[in-house]
N, C-alpha and C. Protein backbone atom coordinates (compact mmCIF):
# COMPACT_ATOMS: atom_id res chain seq x y z
N UNK A 1 0.83 -1.17 0.00
CA UNK A 1 0.00 0.00 0.00
C UNK A 1 0.89 1.25 0.00
N UNK A 2 0.55 2.17 -0.87
CA UNK A 2 1.32 3.40 -0.98
C UNK A 2 0.49 4.57 -0.47
N UNK A 3 1.07 5.40 0.37
CA UNK A 3 0.38 6.57 0.90
C UNK A 3 0.97 7.81 0.24
N UNK A 4 0.08 8.60 -0.35
CA UNK A 4 0.51 9.83 -1.01
C UNK A 4 -0.05 11.00 -0.22
N UNK A 5 0.81 11.89 0.20
CA UNK A 5 0.39 13.07 0.94
C UNK A 5 0.52 14.28 0.02
N UNK A 6 -0.59 14.94 -0.20
CA UNK A 6 -0.59 16.14 -1.02
C UNK A 6 -0.79 17.33 -0.10
N UNK A 7 0.13 18.25 -0.14
CA UNK A 7 0.06 19.42 0.72
C UNK A 7 -0.65 20.55 -0.03
N UNK A 8 -1.93 20.77 0.29
CA UNK A 8 -2.70 21.83 -0.35
C UNK A 8 -2.73 23.06 0.55
N UNK A 9 -2.64 24.19 -0.07
CA UNK A 9 -2.67 25.46 0.66
C UNK A 9 -3.91 26.22 0.21
N UNK A 10 -4.75 26.61 1.17
CA UNK A 10 -5.96 27.37 0.86
C UNK A 10 -5.63 28.86 0.93
N UNK A 11 -5.95 29.59 -0.14
CA UNK A 11 -5.67 31.02 -0.21
C UNK A 11 -6.66 31.67 -1.16
N UNK A 12 -6.58 32.99 -1.32
CA UNK A 12 -7.48 33.66 -2.25
C UNK A 12 -6.84 33.75 -3.64
N UNK A 13 -7.67 33.97 -4.63
CA UNK A 13 -7.16 34.11 -5.99
C UNK A 13 -6.21 35.29 -6.10
N UNK A 14 -6.44 36.34 -5.34
CA UNK A 14 -5.56 37.51 -5.36
C UNK A 14 -4.15 37.16 -4.92
N UNK A 15 -4.00 36.14 -4.06
CA UNK A 15 -2.68 35.73 -3.56
C UNK A 15 -1.92 34.85 -4.55
N UNK A 16 -2.59 34.31 -5.56
CA UNK A 16 -1.95 33.41 -6.51
C UNK A 16 -1.00 34.18 -7.42
N UNK A 17 0.19 33.66 -7.61
CA UNK A 17 1.20 34.31 -8.47
C UNK A 17 0.83 34.17 -9.93
N UNK A 18 1.27 35.12 -10.73
CA UNK A 18 1.04 35.09 -12.17
C UNK A 18 1.64 33.82 -12.76
N UNK A 19 0.88 33.13 -13.60
CA UNK A 19 1.34 31.92 -14.26
C UNK A 19 1.05 30.64 -13.51
N UNK A 20 0.69 30.73 -12.24
CA UNK A 20 0.41 29.54 -11.44
C UNK A 20 -1.03 29.08 -11.64
N UNK A 21 -1.24 27.77 -11.49
CA UNK A 21 -2.56 27.17 -11.62
C UNK A 21 -3.01 26.65 -10.27
N UNK A 22 -4.29 26.82 -9.98
CA UNK A 22 -4.88 26.31 -8.74
C UNK A 22 -6.29 25.82 -9.05
N UNK A 23 -6.92 25.21 -8.06
CA UNK A 23 -8.31 24.77 -8.20
C UNK A 23 -9.20 25.66 -7.36
N UNK A 24 -10.35 26.02 -7.91
CA UNK A 24 -11.32 26.81 -7.16
C UNK A 24 -11.86 25.96 -6.02
N UNK A 25 -11.86 26.50 -4.81
CA UNK A 25 -12.43 25.80 -3.66
C UNK A 25 -13.85 26.28 -3.39
N UNK A 26 -14.03 27.58 -3.26
CA UNK A 26 -15.36 28.15 -3.04
C UNK A 26 -15.35 29.64 -3.31
N UNK A 27 -16.54 30.21 -3.47
CA UNK A 27 -16.68 31.65 -3.65
C UNK A 27 -17.42 32.19 -2.43
N UNK A 28 -16.79 33.09 -1.69
CA UNK A 28 -17.44 33.74 -0.55
C UNK A 28 -18.35 34.84 -1.06
N UNK A 29 -19.43 35.09 -0.35
CA UNK A 29 -20.39 36.11 -0.79
C UNK A 29 -19.84 37.52 -0.62
N UNK A 30 -19.13 37.80 0.46
CA UNK A 30 -18.53 39.11 0.66
C UNK A 30 -19.55 40.23 0.60
N UNK A 31 -19.13 41.41 0.17
CA UNK A 31 -20.00 42.58 0.11
C UNK A 31 -21.03 42.50 -1.01
N UNK A 32 -20.78 41.66 -1.99
CA UNK A 32 -21.62 41.64 -3.18
C UNK A 32 -22.83 40.72 -3.06
N UNK A 33 -22.85 39.84 -2.07
CA UNK A 33 -23.98 38.94 -1.88
C UNK A 33 -24.03 37.84 -2.93
N UNK A 34 -25.21 37.27 -3.09
CA UNK A 34 -25.39 36.13 -3.99
C UNK A 34 -25.21 36.51 -5.46
N UNK A 35 -25.37 37.78 -5.78
CA UNK A 35 -25.22 38.22 -7.17
C UNK A 35 -23.84 37.93 -7.71
N UNK A 36 -22.80 38.18 -6.91
CA UNK A 36 -21.43 37.92 -7.34
C UNK A 36 -21.21 36.43 -7.56
N UNK A 37 -21.66 35.62 -6.61
CA UNK A 37 -21.48 34.17 -6.73
C UNK A 37 -22.16 33.65 -7.99
N UNK A 38 -23.36 34.12 -8.28
CA UNK A 38 -24.08 33.68 -9.48
C UNK A 38 -23.36 34.13 -10.75
N UNK A 39 -22.85 35.36 -10.75
CA UNK A 39 -22.14 35.88 -11.93
C UNK A 39 -20.86 35.09 -12.20
N UNK A 40 -20.09 34.82 -11.13
CA UNK A 40 -18.85 34.07 -11.29
C UNK A 40 -19.13 32.63 -11.72
N UNK A 41 -20.19 32.05 -11.19
CA UNK A 41 -20.57 30.69 -11.60
C UNK A 41 -20.94 30.66 -13.08
N UNK A 42 -21.64 31.68 -13.55
CA UNK A 42 -22.01 31.76 -14.97
C UNK A 42 -20.78 31.85 -15.87
N UNK A 43 -19.68 32.40 -15.33
CA UNK A 43 -18.43 32.50 -16.10
C UNK A 43 -17.56 31.25 -15.93
N UNK A 44 -18.05 30.26 -15.17
CA UNK A 44 -17.31 29.01 -15.03
C UNK A 44 -16.47 28.88 -13.78
N UNK A 45 -16.53 29.86 -12.90
CA UNK A 45 -15.74 29.79 -11.66
C UNK A 45 -16.55 29.00 -10.64
N UNK A 46 -16.32 27.68 -10.66
CA UNK A 46 -17.04 26.75 -9.79
C UNK A 46 -16.02 25.85 -9.09
N UNK A 47 -16.41 25.23 -7.97
CA UNK A 47 -15.47 24.37 -7.24
C UNK A 47 -14.82 23.30 -8.12
N UNK A 48 -13.55 23.05 -7.86
CA UNK A 48 -12.71 22.05 -8.53
C UNK A 48 -12.38 22.38 -9.98
N UNK A 49 -12.61 23.60 -10.41
CA UNK A 49 -12.26 24.03 -11.76
C UNK A 49 -10.88 24.67 -11.72
N UNK A 50 -9.98 24.32 -12.66
CA UNK A 50 -8.66 24.95 -12.66
C UNK A 50 -8.75 26.44 -13.04
N UNK A 51 -7.91 27.23 -12.41
CA UNK A 51 -7.90 28.67 -12.65
C UNK A 51 -6.45 29.15 -12.64
N UNK A 52 -6.13 30.06 -13.54
CA UNK A 52 -4.75 30.57 -13.67
C UNK A 52 -4.78 32.08 -13.79
N UNK A 53 -3.87 32.74 -13.10
CA UNK A 53 -3.73 34.20 -13.23
C UNK A 53 -2.76 34.45 -14.39
N UNK A 54 -3.25 35.14 -15.42
CA UNK A 54 -2.42 35.44 -16.58
C UNK A 54 -1.67 36.77 -16.41
N UNK A 55 -2.36 37.77 -15.83
CA UNK A 55 -1.75 39.08 -15.60
C UNK A 55 -2.41 39.76 -14.41
N UNK A 56 -1.63 40.59 -13.73
CA UNK A 56 -2.17 41.46 -12.68
C UNK A 56 -1.85 42.89 -13.09
N UNK A 57 -2.88 43.71 -13.21
CA UNK A 57 -2.67 45.11 -13.60
C UNK A 57 -2.00 45.89 -12.48
N UNK A 58 -1.33 46.94 -12.85
CA UNK A 58 -0.67 47.80 -11.89
C UNK A 58 -1.68 48.68 -11.18
N UNK A 59 -1.28 49.24 -10.08
CA UNK A 59 -2.05 50.24 -9.34
C UNK A 59 -3.45 49.77 -8.95
N UNK A 60 -3.57 48.51 -8.58
CA UNK A 60 -4.85 48.00 -8.09
C UNK A 60 -5.88 47.70 -9.15
N UNK A 61 -5.44 47.55 -10.39
CA UNK A 61 -6.35 47.24 -11.48
C UNK A 61 -6.79 45.78 -11.46
N UNK A 62 -7.53 45.35 -12.48
CA UNK A 62 -8.10 44.00 -12.50
C UNK A 62 -7.07 42.90 -12.76
N UNK A 63 -7.50 41.67 -12.51
CA UNK A 63 -6.71 40.48 -12.81
C UNK A 63 -7.24 39.86 -14.09
N UNK A 64 -6.35 39.46 -14.96
CA UNK A 64 -6.71 38.73 -16.17
C UNK A 64 -6.52 37.25 -15.84
N UNK A 65 -7.60 36.47 -15.87
CA UNK A 65 -7.51 35.06 -15.47
C UNK A 65 -8.04 34.14 -16.56
N UNK A 66 -7.62 32.89 -16.50
CA UNK A 66 -8.16 31.84 -17.37
C UNK A 66 -8.84 30.81 -16.48
N UNK A 67 -10.08 30.50 -16.81
CA UNK A 67 -10.85 29.49 -16.09
C UNK A 67 -10.99 28.29 -17.00
N UNK A 68 -10.59 27.11 -16.52
CA UNK A 68 -10.59 25.94 -17.38
C UNK A 68 -9.53 26.09 -18.45
N UNK A 69 -9.85 25.68 -19.67
CA UNK A 69 -8.86 25.75 -20.74
C UNK A 69 -9.14 26.85 -21.76
N UNK A 70 -10.34 27.43 -21.76
CA UNK A 70 -10.67 28.36 -22.83
C UNK A 70 -11.21 29.72 -22.39
N UNK A 71 -11.78 29.84 -21.21
CA UNK A 71 -12.43 31.08 -20.80
C UNK A 71 -11.44 32.04 -20.18
N UNK A 72 -11.31 33.24 -20.75
CA UNK A 72 -10.46 34.28 -20.19
C UNK A 72 -11.31 35.48 -19.83
N UNK A 73 -11.15 35.96 -18.59
CA UNK A 73 -11.93 37.10 -18.11
C UNK A 73 -11.05 38.02 -17.27
N UNK A 74 -11.53 39.22 -17.05
CA UNK A 74 -10.88 40.16 -16.14
C UNK A 74 -11.82 40.37 -14.97
N UNK A 75 -11.28 40.29 -13.75
CA UNK A 75 -12.11 40.53 -12.57
C UNK A 75 -11.41 41.53 -11.65
N UNK A 76 -12.21 42.23 -10.87
CA UNK A 76 -11.67 43.19 -9.92
C UNK A 76 -10.92 42.47 -8.81
N UNK A 77 -9.97 43.16 -8.21
CA UNK A 77 -9.22 42.58 -7.10
C UNK A 77 -10.14 42.26 -5.92
N UNK A 78 -11.14 43.09 -5.68
CA UNK A 78 -12.07 42.85 -4.58
C UNK A 78 -12.82 41.53 -4.81
N UNK A 79 -13.18 41.24 -6.06
CA UNK A 79 -13.85 39.98 -6.38
C UNK A 79 -12.88 38.81 -6.21
N UNK A 80 -11.63 39.01 -6.60
CA UNK A 80 -10.62 37.94 -6.48
C UNK A 80 -10.38 37.57 -5.02
N UNK A 81 -10.55 38.53 -4.12
CA UNK A 81 -10.38 38.24 -2.68
C UNK A 81 -11.46 37.29 -2.17
N UNK A 82 -12.60 37.23 -2.86
CA UNK A 82 -13.71 36.37 -2.43
C UNK A 82 -13.65 34.97 -3.04
N UNK A 83 -12.67 34.70 -3.88
CA UNK A 83 -12.53 33.38 -4.50
C UNK A 83 -11.43 32.62 -3.77
N UNK A 84 -11.81 31.57 -3.06
CA UNK A 84 -10.82 30.74 -2.36
C UNK A 84 -10.36 29.64 -3.30
N UNK A 85 -9.05 29.40 -3.29
CA UNK A 85 -8.46 28.40 -4.17
C UNK A 85 -7.59 27.44 -3.38
N UNK A 86 -7.34 26.28 -3.99
CA UNK A 86 -6.42 25.28 -3.43
C UNK A 86 -5.20 25.27 -4.32
N UNK A 87 -4.06 25.55 -3.72
CA UNK A 87 -2.81 25.58 -4.47
C UNK A 87 -1.87 24.52 -3.93
N UNK A 88 -1.16 23.84 -4.81
CA UNK A 88 -0.16 22.86 -4.39
C UNK A 88 1.10 23.60 -3.98
N UNK A 89 1.75 23.13 -2.93
CA UNK A 89 3.03 23.74 -2.51
C UNK A 89 4.17 23.18 -3.32
């Protein structure tokens, strides 16, 4: 029997470095309520979906992200703080 230990780190999408891939864990409601969660779900940001930060704008601008293999969107940093992800160490 082989035991495999995977060290997952839970953090927000805003904390993910450019070019790194993680899995969506959950979307917190935050200040935006259920509307934000529904909007992000419609764009494919759902639990266990791979997500990658392609670019982070300067001076507090939006994040350019890829969800899955084909969907690319820009989201505000405040929204990215509400997306919890699982990242491998």
